[in-house]
Amino acid sequence: MTLEEQVKEALEKMRPQLQADGGDLEFIKLEDGGKVHVKLTGACGNCPMATMTLKQGVERFLKDTIPEVTEVVQAF
């Protein structure tokens, strides 16, 4: 399984938590070096807590699950 496939699979495991709050996320791309770009959508897209959700939730989960992930950033 490629790194990108691992990231997409892990993100699918997170989506129900975001969807429960009216939000969602979309995988955009994976850069060399493990930088993941995602787009927060729905309620998460314009929530003032979106940055915290991204860093404390999504990034932490991906880094814990896939050591090759170095950072998660919001794509607009």
Protein backbone atom coordinates (compact mmCIF):
# COMPACT_ATOMS: atom_id res chain seq x y z
CA MET A 1 0.00 0.00 0.00
CA THR A 2 1.38 3.42 -0.95
CA LEU A 3 1.73 6.25 1.54
CA GLU A 4 -1.07 8.15 -0.19
CA GLU A 5 -3.38 5.13 0.09
CA GLN A 6 -2.53 4.83 3.79
CA VAL A 7 -3.35 8.53 4.32
CA LYS A 8 -6.67 8.24 2.46
CA GLU A 9 -7.62 5.15 4.45
CA ALA A 10 -6.80 6.87 7.76
CA LEU A 11 -8.79 9.97 6.75
CA GLU A 12 -11.80 7.76 6.01
CA LYS A 13 -11.65 6.57 9.63
CA MET A 14 -11.78 10.20 10.83
CA ARG A 15 -14.60 11.40 8.59
CA PRO A 16 -17.51 10.05 10.71
CA GLN A 17 -16.37 12.18 13.68
CA LEU A 18 -16.35 15.32 11.55
CA GLN A 19 -19.62 14.41 9.85
CA ALA A 20 -21.29 13.99 13.25
CA ASP A 21 -20.66 17.73 13.78
CA GLY A 22 -21.90 18.70 10.31
CA GLY A 23 -18.46 18.90 8.73
CA ASP A 24 -16.27 16.79 6.53
CA LEU A 25 -12.85 16.75 4.93
CA GLU A 26 -11.48 16.08 1.50
CA PHE A 27 -8.01 14.76 0.66
CA ILE A 28 -6.30 17.13 -1.78
CA LYS A 29 -2.72 15.90 -2.14
CA LEU A 30 0.34 14.43 -0.47
CA GLU A 31 3.64 16.25 -0.99
CA ASP A 32 7.07 14.68 -0.85
CA GLY A 33 8.25 14.75 2.72
CA GLY A 34 4.89 13.69 4.16
CA LYS A 35 2.97 16.98 4.02
CA VAL A 36 -0.75 16.27 3.62
CA HIS A 37 -3.17 18.83 2.17
CA VAL A 38 -6.85 18.49 3.09
CA LYS A 39 -9.86 20.72 2.66
CA LEU A 40 -12.27 21.05 5.56
CA THR A 41 -15.84 21.37 4.29
CA GLY A 42 -19.35 21.83 5.65
CA ALA A 43 -19.50 23.19 9.17
CA CYS A 44 -15.74 22.61 9.51
CA GLY A 45 -14.95 24.81 6.53
CA ASN A 46 -15.84 28.09 8.22
CA CYS A 47 -15.70 27.12 11.88
CA PRO A 48 -13.47 29.31 14.07
CA MET A 49 -12.10 26.10 15.59
CA ALA A 50 -11.11 24.66 12.18
CA THR A 51 -7.38 25.21 12.71
CA MET A 52 -7.50 23.44 16.04
CA THR A 53 -9.51 20.58 14.53
CA LEU A 54 -6.95 20.30 11.77
CA LYS A 55 -3.85 20.38 13.98
CA GLN A 56 -5.07 18.77 17.22
CA GLY A 57 -7.37 16.26 15.56
CA VAL A 58 -6.50 15.35 11.99
CA GLU A 59 -2.74 15.98 12.12
CA ARG A 60 -2.26 14.25 15.45
CA PHE A 61 -4.27 11.21 14.30
CA LEU A 62 -2.38 10.92 11.01
CA LYS A 63 1.04 11.34 12.64
CA ASP A 64 0.20 8.72 15.27
CA THR A 65 -1.15 6.33 12.63
CA ILE A 66 1.39 6.96 9.87
CA PRO A 67 4.85 8.07 11.08
CA GLU A 68 5.80 9.28 7.58
CA VAL A 69 3.23 12.10 7.82
CA THR A 70 5.03 15.27 8.93
CA GLU A 71 2.31 17.93 8.70
CA VAL A 72 -1.32 18.47 7.73
CA VAL A 73 -2.33 21.78 6.18
CA GLN A 74 -5.64 23.28 5.12
CA ALA A 75 -6.11 23.69 1.37
CA PHE A 76 -8.47 26.44 0.21
